[in-house]
Amino acid sequence: MKTFFSFIFLLCLSFVSHAQLSFAIINDKDGFVNIRKDKNAHSPVVGKIFDESIFGYDPDEKSNWVKIYKQDEDKLTDLEGYMDRSRIMPLATFKKIYKPKIYRDSCVIQNNTLALIIKSSVFNPSLHKLDYEKPSCKNCATFLNKIDNKRIWGTDGGLPRKFISSLRLIQNNVEVIIPKNAIDNLYEPNFSSLKVYLSANNIYIQMDNSDGAGGYTVIWTIKNHQFLKRYIDNYYD
């Protein structure tokens, strides 16, 4: 029994630690940074992070080498290793807009030059193709694996209640075109978590959605008035 509770304690500790990731971009004139296996410049290179790429890192790391995590949305090429602290530029160091106005099915965040409106809708399972994973044993429960042949962000095997149905960004009175795939398969939005970071050329829109084992962060990058990409990290896994 003692061993069991020790395992649960360590699991929870890991959960809390990983759930407190911060996010950043690289700060390097060469346009990329090598990620090392261990905390030194002579350690093997396990991957690279390039300009405009977002990654997670442990903000509580005190050494000059910081643990970083970069997740591929398809979970095929996740990257984990160490980066020199001087090469990390946290999103939190940029000018921030937060405290959105929250309504029943939408939220708005704005300043003098931009307005961001995000809307949610109720998920209707009859309008979608639902793929359930077969249980591995006779009495095991089935769980939802994909919706419309896409990975699900925001639930842990159950049906979602809401999904992000619209994201509009108006910058300097001109609307930025946001493609539909930028908001596809994003469920259980948490409007109160919305933050916008402003750098010289880029806008970073961050939401920490859902909770528990289904929690994830999505960050949309807008560069020079155009949608660039989205980054998703299910840091609770």
C-alpha atoms as a PDB file:
ATOM      1  CA  MET A   1       0.000   0.000   0.000  1.00  0.00           C
ATOM      2  CA  LYS A   2       2.877   2.363   0.802  1.00  0.00           C
ATOM      3  CA  THR A   3       4.349   1.726  -2.620  1.00  0.00           C
ATOM      4  CA  PHE A   4       1.002   2.527  -4.244  1.00  0.00           C
ATOM      5  CA  PHE A   5       0.677   5.886  -2.464  1.00  0.00           C
ATOM      6  CA  SER A   6       4.290   6.732  -3.295  1.00  0.00           C
ATOM      7  CA  PHE A   7       3.513   6.105  -6.957  1.00  0.00           C
ATOM      8  CA  ILE A   8       0.415   8.327  -6.801  1.00  0.00           C
ATOM      9  CA  PHE A   9       2.435  11.087  -5.118  1.00  0.00           C
ATOM     10  CA  LEU A  10       5.117  10.998  -7.796  1.00  0.00           C
ATOM     11  CA  LEU A  11       2.476  10.943 -10.527  1.00  0.00           C
ATOM     12  CA  CYS A  12       0.785  14.011  -9.092  1.00  0.00           C
ATOM     13  CA  LEU A  13       4.121  15.768  -8.683  1.00  0.00           C
ATOM     14  CA  SER A  14       4.926  15.128 -12.319  1.00  0.00           C
ATOM     15  CA  PHE A  15       1.466  16.298 -13.327  1.00  0.00           C
ATOM     16  CA  VAL A  16       1.838  19.595 -11.463  1.00  0.00           C
ATOM     17  CA  SER A  17       5.351  20.189 -12.768  1.00  0.00           C
ATOM     18  CA  HIS A  18       4.457  19.574 -16.395  1.00  0.00           C
ATOM     19  CA  ALA A  19       1.236  21.536 -16.072  1.00  0.00           C
ATOM     20  CA  GLN A  20       3.204  24.696 -15.208  1.00  0.00           C
ATOM     21  CA  LEU A  21       5.039  25.049 -18.498  1.00  0.00           C
ATOM     22  CA  SER A  22       5.679  28.493 -19.878  1.00  0.00           C
ATOM     23  CA  PHE A  23       6.039  29.156 -23.593  1.00  0.00           C
ATOM     24  CA  ALA A  24       8.707  30.904 -25.614  1.00  0.00           C
ATOM     25  CA  ILE A  25      10.407  31.455 -28.949  1.00  0.00           C
ATOM     26  CA  ILE A  26      14.138  31.333 -29.613  1.00  0.00           C
ATOM     27  CA  ASN A  27      16.491  34.294 -29.342  1.00  0.00           C
ATOM     28  CA  ASP A  28      19.328  33.587 -31.777  1.00  0.00           C
ATOM     29  CA  LYS A  29      20.735  35.520 -34.754  1.00  0.00           C
ATOM     30  CA  ASP A  30      21.453  32.253 -36.602  1.00  0.00           C
ATOM     31  CA  GLY A  31      17.741  31.471 -36.821  1.00  0.00           C
ATOM     32  CA  PHE A  32      17.900  28.184 -34.919  1.00  0.00           C
ATOM     33  CA  VAL A  33      19.055  26.681 -31.634  1.00  0.00           C
ATOM     34  CA  ASN A  34      20.416  23.185 -31.046  1.00  0.00           C
ATOM     35  CA  ILE A  35      18.639  21.175 -28.359  1.00  0.00           C
ATOM     36  CA  ARG A  36      20.992  19.065 -26.264  1.00  0.00           C
ATOM     37  CA  LYS A  37      20.379  15.757 -24.566  1.00  0.00           C
ATOM     38  CA  ASP A  38      21.971  16.954 -21.323  1.00  0.00           C
ATOM     39  CA  LYS A  39      22.911  20.239 -19.669  1.00  0.00           C
ATOM     40  CA  ASN A  40      26.124  21.061 -21.491  1.00  0.00           C
ATOM     41  CA  ALA A  41      27.326  22.302 -24.872  1.00  0.00           C
ATOM     42  CA  HIS A  42      29.148  19.047 -25.610  1.00  0.00           C
ATOM     43  CA  SER A  43      26.090  16.845 -25.134  1.00  0.00           C
ATOM     44  CA  PRO A  44      24.592  15.231 -28.275  1.00  0.00           C
ATOM     45  CA  VAL A  45      22.150  17.324 -30.306  1.00  0.00           C
ATOM     46  CA  VAL A  46      18.672  15.772 -30.207  1.00  0.00           C
ATOM     47  CA  GLY A  47      16.978  18.333 -32.424  1.00  0.00           C
ATOM     48  CA  LYS A  48      16.712  21.978 -33.435  1.00  0.00           C
ATOM     49  CA  ILE A  49      14.211  24.746 -32.859  1.00  0.00           C
ATOM     50  CA  PHE A  50      13.868  27.404 -35.543  1.00  0.00           C
ATOM     51  CA  ASP A  51      12.644  30.982 -35.681  1.00  0.00           C
ATOM     52  CA  GLU A  52       8.877  31.390 -35.278  1.00  0.00           C
ATOM     53  CA  SER A  53       8.591  28.009 -33.528  1.00  0.00           C
ATOM     54  CA  ILE A  54       6.959  27.983 -30.108  1.00  0.00           C
ATOM     55  CA  PHE A  55       8.050  25.582 -27.382  1.00  0.00           C
ATOM     56  CA  GLY A  56       7.399  24.967 -23.715  1.00  0.00           C
ATOM     57  CA  TYR A  57       9.972  25.234 -20.966  1.00  0.00           C
ATOM     58  CA  ASP A  58      10.280  24.845 -17.232  1.00  0.00           C
ATOM     59  CA  PRO A  59      10.249  28.382 -15.782  1.00  0.00           C
ATOM     60  CA  ASP A  60      11.447  27.150 -12.393  1.00  0.00           C
ATOM     61  CA  GLU A  61      14.740  25.808 -13.736  1.00  0.00           C
ATOM     62  CA  LYS A  62      17.569  27.699 -11.993  1.00  0.00           C
ATOM     63  CA  SER A  63      20.590  26.576 -14.022  1.00  0.00           C
ATOM     64  CA  ASN A  64      21.896  28.081 -17.270  1.00  0.00           C
ATOM     65  CA  TRP A  65      20.481  25.058 -19.116  1.00  0.00           C
ATOM     66  CA  VAL A  66      16.693  24.871 -19.192  1.00  0.00           C
ATOM     67  CA  LYS A  67      14.515  21.836 -19.928  1.00  0.00           C
ATOM     68  CA  ILE A  68      12.386  22.467 -23.023  1.00  0.00           C
ATOM     69  CA  TYR A  69       9.488  20.591 -24.637  1.00  0.00           C
ATOM     70  CA  LYS A  70       8.232  20.971 -28.184  1.00  0.00           C
ATOM     71  CA  GLN A  71       5.223  18.917 -29.176  1.00  0.00           C
ATOM     72  CA  ASP A  72       4.217  17.946 -32.673  1.00  0.00           C
ATOM     73  CA  GLU A  73       0.455  18.179 -33.110  1.00  0.00           C
ATOM     74  CA  ASP A  74       0.371  14.630 -34.440  1.00  0.00           C
ATOM     75  CA  LYS A  75       2.611  13.427 -31.577  1.00  0.00           C
ATOM     76  CA  LEU A  76       5.083  11.907 -34.016  1.00  0.00           C
ATOM     77  CA  THR A  77       8.120  14.107 -33.483  1.00  0.00           C
ATOM     78  CA  ASP A  78       7.950  15.427 -29.925  1.00  0.00           C
ATOM     79  CA  LEU A  79      11.200  17.072 -28.853  1.00  0.00           C
ATOM     80  CA  GLU A  80      12.570  17.212 -25.329  1.00  0.00           C
ATOM     81  CA  GLY A  81      16.001  18.335 -24.198  1.00  0.00           C
ATOM     82  CA  TYR A  82      17.997  21.306 -22.909  1.00  0.00           C
ATOM     83  CA  MET A  83      18.579  24.822 -24.216  1.00  0.00           C
ATOM     84  CA  ASP A  84      20.920  27.551 -23.044  1.00  0.00           C
ATOM     85  CA  ARG A  85      18.850  30.039 -21.046  1.00  0.00           C
ATOM     86  CA  SER A  86      20.187  32.996 -23.064  1.00  0.00           C
ATOM     87  CA  ARG A  87      18.531  31.561 -26.194  1.00  0.00           C
ATOM     88  CA  ILE A  88      15.044  31.594 -24.659  1.00  0.00           C
ATOM     89  CA  MET A  89      12.691  34.525 -25.245  1.00  0.00           C
ATOM     90  CA  PRO A  90       9.535  33.942 -23.177  1.00  0.00           C
ATOM     91  CA  LEU A  91       6.242  35.096 -24.623  1.00  0.00           C
ATOM     92  CA  ALA A  92       5.566  36.643 -21.230  1.00  0.00           C
ATOM     93  CA  THR A  93       8.329  39.220 -21.842  1.00  0.00           C
ATOM     94  CA  PHE A  94       6.271  40.809 -24.639  1.00  0.00           C
ATOM     95  CA  LYS A  95       3.529  43.348 -24.119  1.00  0.00           C
ATOM     96  CA  LYS A  96       0.431  41.506 -22.949  1.00  0.00           C
ATOM     97  CA  ILE A  97      -3.281  42.059 -23.310  1.00  0.00           C
ATOM     98  CA  TYR A  98      -5.442  39.979 -21.002  1.00  0.00           C
ATOM     99  CA  LYS A  99      -8.635  40.080 -18.941  1.00  0.00           C
ATOM    100  CA  PRO A 100     -11.043  39.483 -21.837  1.00  0.00           C
ATOM    101  CA  LYS A 101     -14.684  40.442 -21.707  1.00  0.00           C
ATOM    102  CA  ILE A 102     -16.524  37.137 -21.408  1.00  0.00           C
ATOM    103  CA  TYR A 103     -20.043  36.441 -22.581  1.00  0.00           C
ATOM    104  CA  ARG A 104     -22.073  33.257 -22.668  1.00  0.00           C
ATOM    105  CA  ASP A 105     -20.633  31.885 -25.918  1.00  0.00           C
ATOM    106  CA  SER A 106     -17.913  34.370 -26.811  1.00  0.00           C
ATOM    107  CA  CYS A 107     -15.151  36.575 -25.521  1.00  0.00           C
ATOM    108  CA  VAL A 108     -13.523  39.802 -26.695  1.00  0.00           C
ATOM    109  CA  ILE A 109     -10.073  41.138 -25.970  1.00  0.00           C
ATOM    110  CA  GLN A 110      -8.803  44.404 -27.406  1.00  0.00           C
ATOM    111  CA  ASN A 111      -6.620  47.486 -27.224  1.00  0.00           C
ATOM    112  CA  ASN A 112      -6.235  50.582 -29.411  1.00  0.00           C
ATOM    113  CA  THR A 113      -4.957  48.667 -32.458  1.00  0.00           C
ATOM    114  CA  LEU A 114      -6.613  45.258 -32.395  1.00  0.00           C
ATOM    115  CA  ALA A 115      -9.756  43.412 -31.460  1.00  0.00           C
ATOM    116  CA  LEU A 116      -9.978  39.644 -31.044  1.00  0.00           C
ATOM    117  CA  ILE A 117     -13.307  37.828 -30.909  1.00  0.00           C
ATOM    118  CA  ILE A 118     -13.536  34.107 -30.164  1.00  0.00           C
ATOM    119  CA  LYS A 119     -16.830  32.246 -30.218  1.00  0.00           C
ATOM    120  CA  SER A 120     -17.892  28.785 -29.108  1.00  0.00           C
ATOM    121  CA  SER A 121     -20.817  26.587 -30.094  1.00  0.00           C
ATOM    122  CA  VAL A 122     -22.512  23.584 -28.544  1.00  0.00           C
ATOM    123  CA  PHE A 123     -21.169  20.307 -29.898  1.00  0.00           C
ATOM    124  CA  ASN A 124     -23.853  18.259 -31.638  1.00  0.00           C
ATOM    125  CA  PRO A 125     -22.597  14.669 -32.044  1.00  0.00           C
ATOM    126  CA  SER A 126     -25.190  13.893 -34.726  1.00  0.00           C
ATOM    127  CA  LEU A 127     -23.397  16.279 -37.097  1.00  0.00           C
ATOM    128  CA  HIS A 128     -20.027  14.562 -36.813  1.00  0.00           C
ATOM    129  CA  LYS A 129     -18.321  11.270 -37.467  1.00  0.00           C
ATOM    130  CA  LEU A 130     -17.334   9.730 -34.132  1.00  0.00           C
ATOM    131  CA  ASP A 131     -14.631   7.080 -33.916  1.00  0.00           C
ATOM    132  CA  TYR A 132     -14.507   5.063 -30.711  1.00  0.00           C
ATOM    133  CA  GLU A 133     -11.520   2.957 -29.759  1.00  0.00           C
ATOM    134  CA  LYS A 134     -12.321  -0.671 -29.077  1.00  0.00           C
ATOM    135  CA  PRO A 135     -11.726  -1.698 -25.448  1.00  0.00           C
ATOM    136  CA  SER A 136      -8.753  -3.930 -24.763  1.00  0.00           C
ATOM    137  CA  CYS A 137     -10.742  -6.141 -22.373  1.00  0.00           C
ATOM    138  CA  LYS A 138     -14.305  -7.342 -22.030  1.00  0.00           C
ATOM    139  CA  ASN A 139     -15.338  -5.003 -19.228  1.00  0.00           C
ATOM    140  CA  CYS A 140     -13.273  -2.005 -20.277  1.00  0.00           C
ATOM    141  CA  ALA A 141     -15.088   1.183 -21.275  1.00  0.00           C
ATOM    142  CA  THR A 142     -14.904   2.515 -24.802  1.00  0.00           C
ATOM    143  CA  PHE A 143     -13.628   6.031 -25.348  1.00  0.00           C
ATOM    144  CA  LEU A 144     -13.874   8.554 -28.122  1.00  0.00           C
ATOM    145  CA  ASN A 145     -10.700   8.500 -30.184  1.00  0.00           C
ATOM    146  CA  LYS A 146     -11.370  10.872 -33.110  1.00  0.00           C
ATOM    147  CA  ILE A 147     -13.982  13.309 -34.355  1.00  0.00           C
ATOM    148  CA  ASP A 148     -14.288  13.730 -38.129  1.00  0.00           C
ATOM    149  CA  ASN A 149     -11.070  11.715 -38.474  1.00  0.00           C
ATOM    150  CA  LYS A 150      -9.140  14.256 -36.434  1.00  0.00           C
ATOM    151  CA  ARG A 151      -7.484  14.121 -33.063  1.00  0.00           C
ATOM    152  CA  ILE A 152      -9.533  15.544 -30.198  1.00  0.00           C
ATOM    153  CA  TRP A 153      -8.146  18.384 -28.092  1.00  0.00           C
ATOM    154  CA  GLY A 154      -9.914  19.037 -24.809  1.00  0.00           C
ATOM    155  CA  THR A 155     -11.480  15.775 -23.681  1.00  0.00           C
ATOM    156  CA  ASP A 156     -10.180  12.526 -22.265  1.00  0.00           C
ATOM    157  CA  GLY A 157     -12.284  10.007 -24.138  1.00  0.00           C
ATOM    158  CA  GLY A 158     -15.703  11.565 -23.671  1.00  0.00           C
ATOM    159  CA  LEU A 159     -17.927  13.711 -25.866  1.00  0.00           C
ATOM    160  CA  PRO A 160     -17.043  17.411 -25.826  1.00  0.00           C
ATOM    161  CA  ARG A 161     -19.643  19.921 -24.787  1.00  0.00           C
ATOM    162  CA  LYS A 162     -18.434  22.936 -26.784  1.00  0.00           C
ATOM    163  CA  PHE A 163     -15.956  23.748 -29.522  1.00  0.00           C
ATOM    164  CA  ILE A 164     -14.280  26.883 -30.853  1.00  0.00           C
ATOM    165  CA  SER A 165     -16.439  27.869 -33.805  1.00  0.00           C
ATOM    166  CA  SER A 166     -14.975  31.241 -34.759  1.00  0.00           C
ATOM    167  CA  LEU A 167     -11.807  33.298 -34.308  1.00  0.00           C
ATOM    168  CA  ARG A 168     -11.692  36.823 -35.713  1.00  0.00           C
ATOM    169  CA  LEU A 169      -8.809  39.262 -35.436  1.00  0.00           C
ATOM    170  CA  ILE A 170      -9.055  42.879 -36.562  1.00  0.00           C
ATOM    171  CA  GLN A 171      -5.707  44.682 -36.611  1.00  0.00           C
ATOM    172  CA  ASN A 172      -5.452  48.374 -37.477  1.00  0.00           C
ATOM    173  CA  ASN A 173      -9.019  48.229 -38.821  1.00  0.00           C
ATOM    174  CA  VAL A 174      -8.157  45.398 -41.211  1.00  0.00           C
ATOM    175  CA  GLU A 175      -9.401  41.864 -40.607  1.00  0.00           C
ATOM    176  CA  VAL A 176      -6.759  39.136 -40.578  1.00  0.00           C
ATOM    177  CA  ILE A 177      -7.887  36.062 -42.498  1.00  0.00           C
ATOM    178  CA  ILE A 178      -7.927  33.085 -40.148  1.00  0.00           C
ATOM    179  CA  PRO A 179      -8.313  29.740 -41.981  1.00  0.00           C
ATOM    180  CA  LYS A 180     -10.781  27.189 -40.709  1.00  0.00           C
ATOM    181  CA  ASN A 181      -8.063  24.637 -39.936  1.00  0.00           C
ATOM    182  CA  ALA A 182      -6.664  27.066 -37.372  1.00  0.00           C
ATOM    183  CA  ILE A 183      -9.610  26.301 -35.097  1.00  0.00           C
ATOM    184  CA  ASP A 184     -10.424  22.740 -36.137  1.00  0.00           C
ATOM    185  CA  ASN A 185     -10.797  20.084 -33.396  1.00  0.00           C
ATOM    186  CA  LEU A 186     -10.345  22.531 -30.498  1.00  0.00           C
ATOM    187  CA  TYR A 187     -12.850  21.681 -27.773  1.00  0.00           C
ATOM    188  CA  GLU A 188     -13.857  22.905 -24.304  1.00  0.00           C
ATOM    189  CA  PRO A 189     -12.580  26.505 -24.628  1.00  0.00           C
ATOM    190  CA  ASN A 190     -11.740  28.400 -21.471  1.00  0.00           C
ATOM    191  CA  PHE A 191     -12.292  32.066 -22.319  1.00  0.00           C
ATOM    192  CA  SER A 192     -10.910  33.344 -19.024  1.00  0.00           C
ATOM    193  CA  SER A 193      -7.455  32.001 -19.930  1.00  0.00           C
ATOM    194  CA  LEU A 194      -7.164  34.092 -23.116  1.00  0.00           C
ATOM    195  CA  LYS A 195      -4.007  36.212 -23.428  1.00  0.00           C
ATOM    196  CA  VAL A 196      -2.494  38.112 -26.339  1.00  0.00           C
ATOM    197  CA  TYR A 197       1.243  38.842 -26.575  1.00  0.00           C
ATOM    198  CA  LEU A 198       2.559  41.538 -28.910  1.00  0.00           C
ATOM    199  CA  SER A 199       6.107  41.588 -30.309  1.00  0.00           C
ATOM    200  CA  ALA A 200       7.479  43.916 -32.991  1.00  0.00           C
ATOM    201  CA  ASN A 201       6.026  41.921 -35.899  1.00  0.00           C
ATOM    202  CA  ASN A 202       4.009  39.111 -34.346  1.00  0.00           C
ATOM    203  CA  ILE A 203       0.856  38.560 -32.346  1.00  0.00           C
ATOM    204  CA  TYR A 204       0.627  35.449 -30.168  1.00  0.00           C
ATOM    205  CA  ILE A 205      -2.851  34.412 -29.037  1.00  0.00           C
ATOM    206  CA  GLN A 206      -2.845  31.875 -26.187  1.00  0.00           C
ATOM    207  CA  MET A 207      -5.647  29.882 -24.593  1.00  0.00           C
ATOM    208  CA  ASP A 208      -5.381  27.170 -21.932  1.00  0.00           C
ATOM    209  CA  ASN A 209      -8.447  25.059 -22.568  1.00  0.00           C
ATOM    210  CA  SER A 210     -10.337  22.293 -20.796  1.00  0.00           C
ATOM    211  CA  ASP A 211      -9.015  20.872 -17.528  1.00  0.00           C
ATOM    212  CA  GLY A 212      -7.729  17.653 -16.021  1.00  0.00           C
ATOM    213  CA  ALA A 213      -6.342  15.024 -18.372  1.00  0.00           C
ATOM    214  CA  GLY A 214      -7.892  16.745 -21.388  1.00  0.00           C
ATOM    215  CA  GLY A 215      -6.150  20.075 -20.791  1.00  0.00           C
ATOM    216  CA  TYR A 216      -4.152  21.705 -23.563  1.00  0.00           C
ATOM    217  CA  THR A 217      -2.662  25.024 -24.616  1.00  0.00           C
ATOM    218  CA  VAL A 218      -3.183  26.454 -28.099  1.00  0.00           C
ATOM    219  CA  ILE A 219      -1.122  29.379 -29.370  1.00  0.00           C
ATOM    220  CA  TRP A 220      -1.908  31.051 -32.697  1.00  0.00           C
ATOM    221  CA  THR A 221       0.829  33.126 -34.336  1.00  0.00           C
ATOM    222  CA  ILE A 222      -0.008  36.112 -36.538  1.00  0.00           C
ATOM    223  CA  LYS A 223       2.930  37.606 -38.468  1.00  0.00           C
ATOM    224  CA  ASN A 224       2.742  40.847 -40.433  1.00  0.00           C
ATOM    225  CA  HIS A 225      -1.072  40.776 -40.522  1.00  0.00           C
ATOM    226  CA  GLN A 226      -1.217  37.158 -41.725  1.00  0.00           C
ATOM    227  CA  PHE A 227      -1.992  33.912 -39.932  1.00  0.00           C
ATOM    228  CA  LEU A 228       1.233  31.904 -39.650  1.00  0.00           C
ATOM    229  CA  LYS A 229       0.511  28.739 -37.647  1.00  0.00           C
ATOM    230  CA  ARG A 230      -0.864  27.246 -34.475  1.00  0.00           C
ATOM    231  CA  TYR A 231       0.972  25.374 -31.753  1.00  0.00           C
ATOM    232  CA  ILE A 232      -0.732  22.913 -29.407  1.00  0.00           C
ATOM    233  CA  ASP A 233       0.676  21.345 -26.281  1.00  0.00           C
ATOM    234  CA  ASN A 234      -1.352  18.963 -24.122  1.00  0.00           C
ATOM    235  CA  TYR A 235       0.910  19.539 -21.141  1.00  0.00           C
ATOM    236  CA  TYR A 236      -1.272  17.363 -18.902  1.00  0.00           C
ATOM    237  CA  ASP A 237      -0.213  14.172 -20.704  1.00  0.00           C
END
